[in-house]
C-alpha atoms as a PDB file:
ATOM      1  CA  MET A   1      25.325   0.425-125.688  1.00  0.00           C
ATOM      2  CA  SER A   2      23.715  -2.630-127.229  1.00  0.00           C
ATOM      3  CA  GLU A   3      24.964  -4.737-124.279  1.00  0.00           C
ATOM      4  CA  ASP A   4      23.305  -2.400-121.820  1.00  0.00           C
ATOM      5  CA  LEU A   5      20.025  -2.598-123.733  1.00  0.00           C
ATOM      6  CA  GLU A   6      20.302  -6.363-123.708  1.00  0.00           C
ATOM      7  CA  VAL A   7      20.742  -6.490-119.915  1.00  0.00           C
ATOM      8  CA  ASN A   8      17.934  -4.078-119.324  1.00  0.00           C
ATOM      9  CA  ALA A   9      15.606  -5.966-121.609  1.00  0.00           C
ATOM     10  CA  SER A  10      16.152  -9.153-119.713  1.00  0.00           C
ATOM     11  CA  GLY A  11      15.628  -7.566-116.395  1.00  0.00           C
ATOM     12  CA  LEU A  12      18.525  -9.526-114.851  1.00  0.00           C
ATOM     13  CA  PRO A  13      22.060  -8.460-113.975  1.00  0.00           C
ATOM     14  CA  ARG A  14      24.909  -9.519-116.282  1.00  0.00           C
ATOM     15  CA  ASP A  15      26.582 -11.581-113.487  1.00  0.00           C
ATOM     16  CA  TYR A  16      23.451 -13.706-113.050  1.00  0.00           C
ATOM     17  CA  LEU A  17      23.263 -14.356-116.808  1.00  0.00           C
ATOM     18  CA  ASP A  18      26.928 -15.459-116.934  1.00  0.00           C
ATOM     19  CA  ALA A  19      26.355 -17.870-114.018  1.00  0.00           C
ATOM     20  CA  ALA A  20      23.229 -19.247-115.604  1.00  0.00           C
ATOM     21  CA  ALA A  21      25.057 -19.757-118.923  1.00  0.00           C
ATOM     22  CA  ALA A  22      27.835 -21.592-117.144  1.00  0.00           C
ATOM     23  CA  GLU A  23      25.319 -23.880-115.439  1.00  0.00           C
ATOM     24  CA  ASN A  24      23.681 -24.672-118.761  1.00  0.00           C
ATOM     25  CA  VAL A  25      26.987 -25.580-120.359  1.00  0.00           C
ATOM     26  CA  SER A  26      27.978 -27.822-117.436  1.00  0.00           C
ATOM     27  CA  ALA A  27      24.542 -29.512-117.496  1.00  0.00           C
ATOM     28  CA  ALA A  28      24.828 -30.175-121.219  1.00  0.00           C
ATOM     29  CA  VAL A  29      28.304 -31.678-120.811  1.00  0.00           C
ATOM     30  CA  SER A  30      27.195 -33.814-117.848  1.00  0.00           C
ATOM     31  CA  SER A  31      24.224 -35.148-119.805  1.00  0.00           C
ATOM     32  CA  ARG A  32      26.546 -36.380-122.553  1.00  0.00           C
ATOM     33  CA  VAL A  33      29.184 -37.917-120.303  1.00  0.00           C
ATOM     34  CA  PRO A  34      27.594 -40.720-118.235  1.00  0.00           C
ATOM     35  CA  ALA A  35      28.335 -40.598-114.549  1.00  0.00           C
ATOM     36  CA  GLY A  36      28.949 -44.058-113.174  1.00  0.00           C
ATOM     37  CA  GLU A  37      27.103 -46.947-114.795  1.00  0.00           C
ATOM     38  CA  PRO A  38      25.120 -46.361-118.018  1.00  0.00           C
ATOM     39  CA  GLU A  39      21.428 -47.126-118.104  1.00  0.00           C
ATOM     40  CA  PRO A  40      20.776 -50.687-119.300  1.00  0.00           C
ATOM     41  CA  GLU A  41      19.371 -51.048-122.782  1.00  0.00           C
ATOM     42  CA  LEU A  42      17.007 -53.759-124.074  1.00  0.00           C
ATOM     43  CA  ALA A  43      19.589 -55.880-125.881  1.00  0.00           C
ATOM     44  CA  VAL A  44      17.554 -59.101-126.156  1.00  0.00           C
ATOM     45  CA  ASN A  45      14.898 -59.441-128.870  1.00  0.00           C
ATOM     46  CA  PRO A  46      11.631 -60.670-127.256  1.00  0.00           C
ATOM     47  CA  TRP A  47      10.967 -62.821-130.352  1.00  0.00           C
ATOM     48  CA  ASP A  48      14.282 -64.625-129.769  1.00  0.00           C
ATOM     49  CA  VAL A  49      13.210 -65.286-126.212  1.00  0.00           C
ATOM     50  CA  VAL A  50       9.935 -66.803-127.421  1.00  0.00           C
ATOM     51  CA  LEU A  51      11.798 -68.991-129.920  1.00  0.00           C
ATOM     52  CA  CYS A  52      14.214 -70.106-127.217  1.00  0.00           C
ATOM     53  CA  THR A  53      11.295 -70.971-124.908  1.00  0.00           C
ATOM     54  CA  SER A  54       9.629 -72.885-127.748  1.00  0.00           C
ATOM     55  CA  GLY A  55      12.873 -74.774-128.342  1.00  0.00           C
ATOM     56  CA  THR A  56      13.136 -75.697-124.698  1.00  0.00           C
ATOM     57  CA  LEU A  57       9.571 -77.113-124.685  1.00  0.00           C
ATOM     58  CA  ILE A  58      10.250 -78.955-127.933  1.00  0.00           C
ATOM     59  CA  SER A  59      13.417 -80.532-126.510  1.00  0.00           C
ATOM     60  CA  CYS A  60      11.820 -81.657-123.236  1.00  0.00           C
ATOM     61  CA  GLU A  61       8.712 -83.075-124.896  1.00  0.00           C
ATOM     62  CA  ASN A  62      10.468 -85.001-127.633  1.00  0.00           C
ATOM     63  CA  ALA A  63      13.236 -86.250-125.320  1.00  0.00           C
ATOM     64  CA  ILE A  64      10.545 -88.191-123.439  1.00  0.00           C
ATOM     65  CA  VAL A  65       9.457 -89.894-126.691  1.00  0.00           C
ATOM     66  CA  VAL A  66      13.060 -90.714-127.693  1.00  0.00           C
ATOM     67  CA  LEU A  67      13.831 -92.183-124.272  1.00  0.00           C
ATOM     68  CA  ILE A  68      10.641 -94.301-124.268  1.00  0.00           C
ATOM     69  CA  ILE A  69      11.307 -95.804-127.700  1.00  0.00           C
ATOM     70  CA  PHE A  70      15.049 -96.242-127.029  1.00  0.00           C
ATOM     71  CA  HIS A  71      14.660 -98.010-123.678  1.00  0.00           C
ATOM     72  CA  ASN A  72      11.642-100.198-124.613  1.00  0.00           C
ATOM     73  CA  PRO A  73      12.746-103.242-126.706  1.00  0.00           C
ATOM     74  CA  SER A  74       9.169-103.980-127.745  1.00  0.00           C
ATOM     75  CA  LEU A  75       8.971-100.681-129.663  1.00  0.00           C
ATOM     76  CA  ARG A  76      11.077-101.740-132.630  1.00  0.00           C
ATOM     77  CA  ALA A  77       8.378-102.076-135.301  1.00  0.00           C
ATOM     78  CA  PRO A  78       8.733 -99.874-138.417  1.00  0.00           C
ATOM     79  CA  MET A  79       6.057 -97.496-137.156  1.00  0.00           C
ATOM     80  CA  PHE A  80       7.939 -96.871-133.892  1.00  0.00           C
ATOM     81  CA  LEU A  81      11.242 -96.423-135.702  1.00  0.00           C
ATOM     82  CA  LEU A  82       9.685 -93.685-137.808  1.00  0.00           C
ATOM     83  CA  ILE A  83       8.037 -92.073-134.761  1.00  0.00           C
ATOM     84  CA  GLY A  84      11.450 -92.200-133.038  1.00  0.00           C
ATOM     85  CA  SER A  85      13.031 -90.537-136.085  1.00  0.00           C
ATOM     86  CA  LEU A  86      10.430 -87.811-135.946  1.00  0.00           C
ATOM     87  CA  ALA A  87      10.987 -87.263-132.205  1.00  0.00           C
ATOM     88  CA  LEU A  88      14.772 -87.219-132.650  1.00  0.00           C
ATOM     89  CA  ALA A  89      14.539 -84.667-135.444  1.00  0.00           C
ATOM     90  CA  ASP A  90      12.247 -82.443-133.373  1.00  0.00           C
ATOM     91  CA  LEU A  91      14.575 -82.860-130.371  1.00  0.00           C
ATOM     92  CA  LEU A  92      17.526 -81.655-132.408  1.00  0.00           C
ATOM     93  CA  ALA A  93      15.443 -78.793-133.781  1.00  0.00           C
ATOM     94  CA  GLY A  94      14.596 -77.674-130.234  1.00  0.00           C
ATOM     95  CA  ILE A  95      18.229 -77.903-129.194  1.00  0.00           C
ATOM     96  CA  GLY A  96      19.175 -75.886-132.276  1.00  0.00           C
ATOM     97  CA  LEU A  97      16.779 -73.065-131.336  1.00  0.00           C
ATOM     98  CA  VAL A  98      18.227 -72.910-127.812  1.00  0.00           C
ATOM     99  CA  VAL A  99      21.831 -73.069-129.016  1.00  0.00           C
ATOM    100  CA  ASN A 100      21.138 -70.423-131.646  1.00  0.00           C
ATOM    101  CA  PHE A 101      19.803 -68.060-128.923  1.00  0.00           C
ATOM    102  CA  VAL A 102      22.875 -68.674-126.730  1.00  0.00           C
ATOM    103  CA  PHE A 103      25.351 -68.185-129.588  1.00  0.00           C
ATOM    104  CA  ALA A 104      23.554 -65.080-130.887  1.00  0.00           C
ATOM    105  CA  TYR A 105      24.036 -63.222-127.594  1.00  0.00           C
ATOM    106  CA  LEU A 106      27.131 -64.881-126.059  1.00  0.00           C
ATOM    107  CA  LEU A 107      29.288 -66.169-128.924  1.00  0.00           C
ATOM    108  CA  GLN A 108      28.848 -63.891-131.907  1.00  0.00           C
ATOM    109  CA  SER A 109      30.886 -65.493-134.653  1.00  0.00           C
ATOM    110  CA  GLU A 110      30.235 -66.507-138.259  1.00  0.00           C
ATOM    111  CA  ALA A 111      31.209 -70.124-137.613  1.00  0.00           C
ATOM    112  CA  ALA A 112      28.767 -70.482-134.710  1.00  0.00           C
ATOM    113  CA  LYS A 113      25.973 -68.860-136.755  1.00  0.00           C
ATOM    114  CA  LEU A 114      26.528 -71.142-139.704  1.00  0.00           C
ATOM    115  CA  ALA A 115      26.736 -74.255-137.448  1.00  0.00           C
ATOM    116  CA  THR A 116      23.490 -73.477-135.634  1.00  0.00           C
ATOM    117  CA  ILE A 117      21.635 -72.533-138.815  1.00  0.00           C
ATOM    118  CA  GLY A 118      22.861 -75.805-140.412  1.00  0.00           C
ATOM    119  CA  LEU A 119      21.617 -77.762-137.412  1.00  0.00           C
ATOM    120  CA  ILE A 120      18.176 -76.094-137.501  1.00  0.00           C
ATOM    121  CA  VAL A 121      17.791 -76.604-141.265  1.00  0.00           C
ATOM    122  CA  ALA A 122      18.875 -80.267-141.040  1.00  0.00           C
ATOM    123  CA  SER A 123      16.662 -81.079-138.047  1.00  0.00           C
ATOM    124  CA  PHE A 124      13.529 -79.388-139.386  1.00  0.00           C
ATOM    125  CA  SER A 125      14.092 -80.996-142.795  1.00  0.00           C
ATOM    126  CA  ALA A 126      14.388 -84.417-141.092  1.00  0.00           C
ATOM    127  CA  SER A 127      11.177 -83.657-139.148  1.00  0.00           C
ATOM    128  CA  VAL A 128       9.181 -82.910-142.304  1.00  0.00           C
ATOM    129  CA  CYS A 129      10.711 -85.918-144.121  1.00  0.00           C
ATOM    130  CA  SER A 130       9.856 -88.154-141.135  1.00  0.00           C
ATOM    131  CA  LEU A 131       6.253 -86.976-141.308  1.00  0.00           C
ATOM    132  CA  LEU A 132       6.199 -87.985-144.980  1.00  0.00           C
ATOM    133  CA  ALA A 133       7.759 -91.378-144.144  1.00  0.00           C
ATOM    134  CA  ILE A 134       5.105 -91.970-141.445  1.00  0.00           C
ATOM    135  CA  THR A 135       2.426 -91.171-143.989  1.00  0.00           C
ATOM    136  CA  VAL A 136       3.911 -93.660-146.429  1.00  0.00           C
ATOM    137  CA  ASP A 137       4.124 -96.325-143.684  1.00  0.00           C
ATOM    138  CA  ARG A 138       0.478 -95.786-142.722  1.00  0.00           C
ATOM    139  CA  TYR A 139      -0.562 -96.120-146.347  1.00  0.00           C
ATOM    140  CA  LEU A 140       1.416 -99.334-146.770  1.00  0.00           C
ATOM    141  CA  SER A 141       0.036-100.790-143.529  1.00  0.00           C
ATOM    142  CA  LEU A 142      -3.520-100.355-144.835  1.00  0.00           C
ATOM    143  CA  TYR A 143      -3.033-101.044-148.583  1.00  0.00           C
ATOM    144  CA  TYR A 144      -0.761-104.079-148.041  1.00  0.00           C
ATOM    145  CA  ALA A 145      -2.244-105.246-144.730  1.00  0.00           C
ATOM    146  CA  LEU A 146      -1.477-108.933-145.318  1.00  0.00           C
ATOM    147  CA  THR A 147       2.225-108.529-146.207  1.00  0.00           C
ATOM    148  CA  TYR A 148       2.978-105.444-144.141  1.00  0.00           C
ATOM    149  CA  HIS A 149       4.446-107.338-141.151  1.00  0.00           C
ATOM    150  CA  SER A 150       7.440-108.782-143.069  1.00  0.00           C
ATOM    151  CA  GLU A 151      11.136-108.286-143.419  1.00  0.00           C
ATOM    152  CA  ARG A 152      10.545-106.347-146.630  1.00  0.00           C
ATOM    153  CA  THR A 153       8.717-103.616-144.684  1.00  0.00           C
ATOM    154  CA  VAL A 154      11.543-103.398-142.162  1.00  0.00           C
ATOM    155  CA  THR A 155      14.079-103.061-144.950  1.00  0.00           C
ATOM    156  CA  LEU A 156      12.000-100.373-146.642  1.00  0.00           C
ATOM    157  CA  THR A 157      11.791 -98.484-143.341  1.00  0.00           C
ATOM    158  CA  TYR A 158      15.577 -98.502-142.895  1.00  0.00           C
ATOM    159  CA  VAL A 159      15.969 -97.353-146.483  1.00  0.00           C
ATOM    160  CA  MET A 160      13.593 -94.455-145.860  1.00  0.00           C
ATOM    161  CA  LEU A 161      15.409 -93.529-142.663  1.00  0.00           C
ATOM    162  CA  VAL A 162      18.799 -93.473-144.390  1.00  0.00           C
ATOM    163  CA  MET A 163      17.491 -91.435-147.302  1.00  0.00           C
ATOM    164  CA  LEU A 164      15.620 -88.873-145.241  1.00  0.00           C
ATOM    165  CA  TRP A 165      18.491 -88.305-142.761  1.00  0.00           C
ATOM    166  CA  GLY A 166      21.077 -88.245-145.549  1.00  0.00           C
ATOM    167  CA  THR A 167      19.095 -85.674-147.492  1.00  0.00           C
ATOM    168  CA  SER A 168      18.503 -83.595-144.389  1.00  0.00           C
ATOM    169  CA  ILE A 169      22.181 -83.591-143.396  1.00  0.00           C
ATOM    170  CA  CYS A 170      23.149 -82.495-146.901  1.00  0.00           C
ATOM    171  CA  LEU A 171      20.668 -79.606-146.754  1.00  0.00           C
ATOM    172  CA  GLY A 172      22.074 -78.609-143.367  1.00  0.00           C
ATOM    173  CA  LEU A 173      25.628 -78.656-144.646  1.00  0.00           C
ATOM    174  CA  LEU A 174      24.943 -76.310-147.564  1.00  0.00           C
ATOM    175  CA  PRO A 175      25.243 -73.045-145.493  1.00  0.00           C
ATOM    176  CA  VAL A 176      28.370 -74.386-143.750  1.00  0.00           C
ATOM    177  CA  LEU A 177      30.044 -75.332-147.038  1.00  0.00           C
ATOM    178  CA  GLY A 178      29.642 -71.898-148.538  1.00  0.00           C
ATOM    179  CA  TRP A 179      26.046 -71.505-149.772  1.00  0.00           C
ATOM    180  CA  ASN A 180      25.373 -68.543-147.512  1.00  0.00           C
ATOM    181  CA  CYS A 181      25.069 -64.727-147.814  1.00  0.00           C
ATOM    182  CA  LEU A 182      27.697 -63.649-145.297  1.00  0.00           C
ATOM    183  CA  ARG A 183      29.809 -62.208-148.098  1.00  0.00           C
ATOM    184  CA  ASP A 184      27.012 -60.753-150.230  1.00  0.00           C
ATOM    185  CA  GLU A 185      24.089 -59.385-148.216  1.00  0.00           C
ATOM    186  CA  SER A 186      22.028 -58.711-151.350  1.00  0.00           C
ATOM    187  CA  THR A 187      21.479 -62.502-151.761  1.00  0.00           C
ATOM    188  CA  CYS A 188      20.145 -62.978-148.256  1.00  0.00           C
ATOM    189  CA  SER A 189      16.742 -64.481-147.588  1.00  0.00           C
ATOM    190  CA  VAL A 190      14.407 -63.762-144.727  1.00  0.00           C
ATOM    191  CA  VAL A 191      16.564 -66.067-142.607  1.00  0.00           C
ATOM    192  CA  ARG A 192      20.155 -64.841-142.537  1.00  0.00           C
ATOM    193  CA  PRO A 193      22.631 -66.311-143.487  1.00  0.00           C
ATOM    194  CA  LEU A 194      20.612 -68.485-145.807  1.00  0.00           C
ATOM    195  CA  THR A 195      20.502 -67.320-149.412  1.00  0.00           C
ATOM    196  CA  LYS A 196      17.286 -66.632-151.299  1.00  0.00           C
ATOM    197  CA  ASN A 197      17.934 -69.661-153.564  1.00  0.00           C
ATOM    198  CA  ASN A 198      18.518 -71.873-150.516  1.00  0.00           C
ATOM    199  CA  THR A 199      15.195 -70.991-148.938  1.00  0.00           C
ATOM    200  CA  ALA A 200      13.474 -71.326-152.334  1.00  0.00           C
ATOM    201  CA  VAL A 201      14.766 -74.908-152.610  1.00  0.00           C
ATOM    202  CA  LEU A 202      13.564 -75.684-149.106  1.00  0.00           C
ATOM    203  CA  SER A 203      10.177 -74.130-149.699  1.00  0.00           C
ATOM    204  CA  VAL A 204       9.555 -75.841-153.008  1.00  0.00           C
ATOM    205  CA  SER A 205      10.603 -79.179-151.473  1.00  0.00           C
ATOM    206  CA  PHE A 206       8.153 -78.665-148.649  1.00  0.00           C
ATOM    207  CA  LEU A 207       5.295 -77.902-151.045  1.00  0.00           C
ATOM    208  CA  PHE A 208       6.121 -81.044-153.012  1.00  0.00           C
ATOM    209  CA  MET A 209       6.133 -83.182-149.863  1.00  0.00           C
ATOM    210  CA  PHE A 210       2.910 -81.593-148.676  1.00  0.00           C
ATOM    211  CA  ALA A 211       1.192 -82.401-152.005  1.00  0.00           C
ATOM    212  CA  LEU A 212       2.446 -86.001-151.755  1.00  0.00           C
ATOM    213  CA  MET A 213       1.190 -86.297-148.155  1.00  0.00           C
ATOM    214  CA  LEU A 214      -2.186 -84.883-149.208  1.00  0.00           C
ATOM    215  CA  GLN A 215      -2.498 -87.475-151.981  1.00  0.00           C
ATOM    216  CA  LEU A 216      -1.521 -90.325-149.660  1.00  0.00           C
ATOM    217  CA  TYR A 217      -3.971 -89.201-146.954  1.00  0.00           C
ATOM    218  CA  VAL A 218      -6.766 -89.070-149.548  1.00  0.00           C
ATOM    219  CA  GLN A 219      -5.983 -92.708-150.416  1.00  0.00           C
ATOM    220  CA  ILE A 220      -5.773 -93.630-146.710  1.00  0.00           C
ATOM    221  CA  CYS A 221      -9.147 -91.984-146.161  1.00  0.00           C
ATOM    222  CA  LYS A 222     -10.682 -94.126-148.865  1.00  0.00           C
ATOM    223  CA  ILE A 223      -9.181 -97.290-147.420  1.00  0.00           C
ATOM    224  CA  VAL A 224     -10.369 -96.419-143.903  1.00  0.00           C
ATOM    225  CA  MET A 225     -13.915 -95.834-145.163  1.00  0.00           C
ATOM    226  CA  ARG A 226     -13.869 -99.147-147.058  1.00  0.00           C
ATOM    227  CA  HIS A 227     -12.510-101.070-144.026  1.00  0.00           C
ATOM    228  CA  ALA A 228     -15.025 -99.498-141.692  1.00  0.00           C
ATOM    229  CA  HIS A 229     -17.856-100.478-144.056  1.00  0.00           C
ATOM    230  CA  GLN A 230     -16.607-104.050-144.255  1.00  0.00           C
ATOM    231  CA  ILE A 231     -16.320-104.335-140.464  1.00  0.00           C
ATOM    232  CA  ALA A 232     -19.810-102.944-140.101  1.00  0.00           C
ATOM    233  CA  LEU A 233     -21.196-105.538-142.476  1.00  0.00           C
ATOM    234  CA  GLN A 234     -19.363-108.453-140.772  1.00  0.00           C
ATOM    235  CA  HIS A 235     -20.500-107.464-137.280  1.00  0.00           C
ATOM    236  CA  HIS A 236     -23.959-106.304-138.407  1.00  0.00           C
ATOM    237  CA  PHE A 237     -23.375-102.805-137.103  1.00  0.00           C
ATOM    238  CA  LEU A 238     -25.932-100.097-137.672  1.00  0.00           C
ATOM    239  CA  ALA A 239     -25.383 -97.560-140.385  1.00  0.00           C
ATOM    240  CA  THR A 240     -25.051 -94.799-137.797  1.00  0.00           C
ATOM    241  CA  SER A 241     -22.213 -96.686-136.113  1.00  0.00           C
ATOM    242  CA  HIS A 242     -20.431 -97.066-139.452  1.00  0.00           C
ATOM    243  CA  TYR A 243     -20.929 -93.370-140.152  1.00  0.00           C
ATOM    244  CA  VAL A 244     -19.533 -92.343-136.747  1.00  0.00           C
ATOM    245  CA  THR A 245     -16.475 -94.562-137.140  1.00  0.00           C
ATOM    246  CA  THR A 246     -15.786 -93.301-140.632  1.00  0.00           C
ATOM    247  CA  ARG A 247     -16.251 -89.701-139.656  1.00  0.00           C
ATOM    248  CA  LYS A 248     -13.842 -90.118-136.731  1.00  0.00           C
ATOM    249  CA  GLY A 249     -11.181 -91.514-139.046  1.00  0.00           C
ATOM    250  CA  VAL A 250     -11.639 -88.767-141.594  1.00  0.00           C
ATOM    251  CA  SER A 251     -11.590 -86.155-138.813  1.00  0.00           C
ATOM    252  CA  THR A 252      -8.310 -87.534-137.478  1.00  0.00           C
ATOM    253  CA  LEU A 253      -6.711 -87.341-140.890  1.00  0.00           C
ATOM    254  CA  ALA A 254      -7.962 -83.839-141.359  1.00  0.00           C
ATOM    255  CA  ILE A 255      -6.556 -82.744-138.049  1.00  0.00           C
ATOM    256  CA  ILE A 256      -3.153 -84.294-138.841  1.00  0.00           C
ATOM    257  CA  LEU A 257      -2.859 -82.693-142.285  1.00  0.00           C
ATOM    258  CA  GLY A 258      -4.474 -79.411-141.293  1.00  0.00           C
ATOM    259  CA  THR A 259      -2.161 -78.935-138.311  1.00  0.00           C
ATOM    260  CA  PHE A 260       0.879 -79.609-140.510  1.00  0.00           C
ATOM    261  CA  ALA A 261      -0.290 -77.133-143.168  1.00  0.00           C
ATOM    262  CA  ALA A 262      -1.281 -74.446-140.661  1.00  0.00           C
ATOM    263  CA  CYS A 263       2.125 -74.592-138.981  1.00  0.00           C
ATOM    264  CA  TRP A 264       4.404 -74.662-142.022  1.00  0.00           C
ATOM    265  CA  MET A 265       2.517 -73.043-144.887  1.00  0.00           C
ATOM    266  CA  PRO A 266       2.798 -69.393-143.705  1.00  0.00           C
ATOM    267  CA  PHE A 267       6.581 -69.526-143.422  1.00  0.00           C
ATOM    268  CA  THR A 268       6.966 -71.502-146.631  1.00  0.00           C
ATOM    269  CA  LEU A 269       4.987 -69.025-148.729  1.00  0.00           C
ATOM    270  CA  TYR A 270       6.561 -66.040-147.047  1.00  0.00           C
ATOM    271  CA  SER A 271      10.052 -67.386-147.728  1.00  0.00           C
ATOM    272  CA  LEU A 272       9.247 -67.596-151.451  1.00  0.00           C
ATOM    273  CA  ILE A 273       8.013 -64.010-151.819  1.00  0.00           C
ATOM    274  CA  ALA A 274      10.132 -62.085-149.304  1.00  0.00           C
ATOM    275  CA  ASP A 275      13.817 -61.318-148.873  1.00  0.00           C
ATOM    276  CA  TYR A 276      16.126 -59.682-146.368  1.00  0.00           C
ATOM    277  CA  THR A 277      14.678 -56.188-146.966  1.00  0.00           C
ATOM    278  CA  TYR A 278      11.358 -57.173-145.388  1.00  0.00           C
ATOM    279  CA  PRO A 279      10.787 -56.354-141.682  1.00  0.00           C
ATOM    280  CA  SER A 280      12.087 -59.085-139.431  1.00  0.00           C
ATOM    281  CA  ILE A 281       8.865 -59.140-137.430  1.00  0.00           C
ATOM    282  CA  TYR A 282       7.161 -60.916-140.395  1.00  0.00           C
ATOM    283  CA  THR A 283       9.878 -63.635-140.338  1.00  0.00           C
ATOM    284  CA  TYR A 284       9.411 -64.193-136.625  1.00  0.00           C
ATOM    285  CA  ALA A 285       5.619 -64.196-136.927  1.00  0.00           C
ATOM    286  CA  THR A 286       5.663 -66.934-139.626  1.00  0.00           C
ATOM    287  CA  LEU A 287       8.583 -68.941-138.218  1.00  0.00           C
ATOM    288  CA  LEU A 288       7.119 -69.328-134.729  1.00  0.00           C
ATOM    289  CA  PRO A 289       4.081 -71.356-135.847  1.00  0.00           C
ATOM    290  CA  ALA A 290       6.469 -73.679-137.725  1.00  0.00           C
ATOM    291  CA  THR A 291       8.207 -74.465-134.436  1.00  0.00           C
ATOM    292  CA  TYR A 292       4.835 -75.249-132.887  1.00  0.00           C
ATOM    293  CA  ASN A 293       4.544 -78.202-135.250  1.00  0.00           C
ATOM    294  CA  SER A 294       7.411 -79.880-133.386  1.00  0.00           C
ATOM    295  CA  ILE A 295       5.492 -79.305-130.136  1.00  0.00           C
ATOM    296  CA  ILE A 296       2.296 -80.824-131.539  1.00  0.00           C
ATOM    297  CA  ASN A 297       3.977 -83.830-133.290  1.00  0.00           C
ATOM    298  CA  PRO A 298       4.511 -85.923-130.092  1.00  0.00           C
ATOM    299  CA  VAL A 299       0.861 -85.422-129.140  1.00  0.00           C
ATOM    300  CA  ILE A 300      -0.407 -86.527-132.564  1.00  0.00           C
ATOM    301  CA  TYR A 301       2.008 -89.328-133.420  1.00  0.00           C
ATOM    302  CA  ALA A 302       3.417 -90.598-130.128  1.00  0.00           C
ATOM    303  CA  PHE A 303       1.236 -89.955-127.096  1.00  0.00           C
ATOM    304  CA  ARG A 304      -1.901 -91.094-128.956  1.00  0.00           C
ATOM    305  CA  ASN A 305      -0.299 -94.465-129.643  1.00  0.00           C
ATOM    306  CA  GLN A 306      -1.509 -97.210-127.327  1.00  0.00           C
ATOM    307  CA  GLU A 307       1.865 -98.948-126.965  1.00  0.00           C
ATOM    308  CA  ILE A 308       3.653 -95.710-126.115  1.00  0.00           C
ATOM    309  CA  GLN A 309       0.909 -94.876-123.643  1.00  0.00           C
ATOM    310  CA  LYS A 310       1.524 -98.193-121.897  1.00  0.00           C
ATOM    311  CA  ALA A 311       5.278 -97.641-121.807  1.00  0.00           C
ATOM    312  CA  LEU A 312       4.797 -94.119-120.433  1.00  0.00           C
ATOM    313  CA  CYS A 313       2.398 -95.367-117.727  1.00  0.00           C
ATOM    314  CA  LEU A 314       4.888 -98.081-116.728  1.00  0.00           C
ATOM    315  CA  ILE A 315       7.645 -95.475-116.350  1.00  0.00           C
ATOM    316  CA  CYS A 316       5.512 -92.991-114.486  1.00  0.00           C
ATOM    317  CA  CYS A 317       3.414 -95.136-112.121  1.00  0.00           C
ATOM    318  CA  GLY A 318       4.623 -98.716-112.694  1.00  0.00           C
ATOM    319  CA  CYS A 319       1.198 -99.898-113.906  1.00  0.00           C
ATOM    320  CA  ILE A 320      -1.011 -99.925-116.984  1.00  0.00           C
ATOM    321  CA  PRO A 321      -4.523 -98.424-116.595  1.00  0.00           C
ATOM    322  CA  SER A 322      -7.313-100.833-117.503  1.00  0.00           C
ATOM    323  CA  GLY A 323      -8.729 -98.327-120.012  1.00  0.00           C
ATOM    324  CA  ILE A 324      -5.530 -98.439-122.046  1.00  0.00           C
ATOM    325  CA  ALA A 325      -4.940-102.191-121.678  1.00  0.00           C
ATOM    326  CA  GLN A 326      -8.430-103.171-122.868  1.00  0.00           C
ATOM    327  CA  ARG A 327      -8.917-100.651-125.609  1.00  0.00           C
ATOM    328  CA  ALA A 328      -9.195-102.193-129.065  1.00  0.00           C
ATOM    329  CA  ARG A 329      -7.853-100.559-132.204  1.00  0.00           C
ATOM    330  CA  SER A 330     -10.483 -99.282-134.594  1.00  0.00           C
ATOM    331  CA  PRO A 331     -10.311 -98.265-138.227  1.00  0.00           C
ATOM    332  CA  SER A 332     -10.320 -94.643-137.149  1.00  0.00           C
ATOM    333  CA  ASP A 333      -6.980 -95.051-135.368  1.00  0.00           C
ATOM    334  CA  VAL A 334      -4.844 -94.013-138.271  1.00  0.00           C
END
């Protein structure tokens, strides 16, 4: 009796209801079992694509600087050796970012992950250390102007190169040799598989080098102002000319140091306060500006240099523009 009431309440015959129920069951089953090819999912992280693109640009840009310095015998002064070291470090950093992207999606293994992270840590460490070495070289070239062009300076440059690359390689080998969080995820930092202690060491080292660079650039600024004033007195320049020259030199130093701090400081501070539990988008958002520093470095340290400009023009067009050939170096060119 209850079944008859149920049919009458629906207003449909029982045969129609059974057929409809069967269709619903078959539709539910077919929706769970894919027919043919499954719909493609977004398997690639867009942030990884951006980092890979940044690494490609870094590699291409710094490869030009490395080739110019390597193939030009006249660019063997200590300053150019340090600029070449910076370009080589940034070139390896760019290659590391590209290789890390390829291995993350094509060769997913612990060994590959540790190797690429080690390469990235070593190359970026060498880049920052090269920036510090360039700062030291600029300070020595101004403070010891009379004795700078000597064998002693060349020896000091090679010592700095050996020390900075040796230290950077050791930092890069730490994750490979076991100082990683692959076995204990609770010790992971914002950059897996680096441990929290590992990133803390890197961050504190960066802050120390930044403080040292800041102190050296303050001293360089004082020397530049003093030299500009002396040149103005010797050549009877006007006070406004002396002011403009000094302001240009100070502005150049501020741009160099400000760019370095703006690129690296967000990631450095974030690495000190955050760990693996924080959203990965914060890591990407602070790490990406740090990679931009390797894009900007060739523009600041290499392509602004008059000798490198001449070598680049000879390679590109086989001539040296008169504006570059006749331009004199001023105290603001630091």
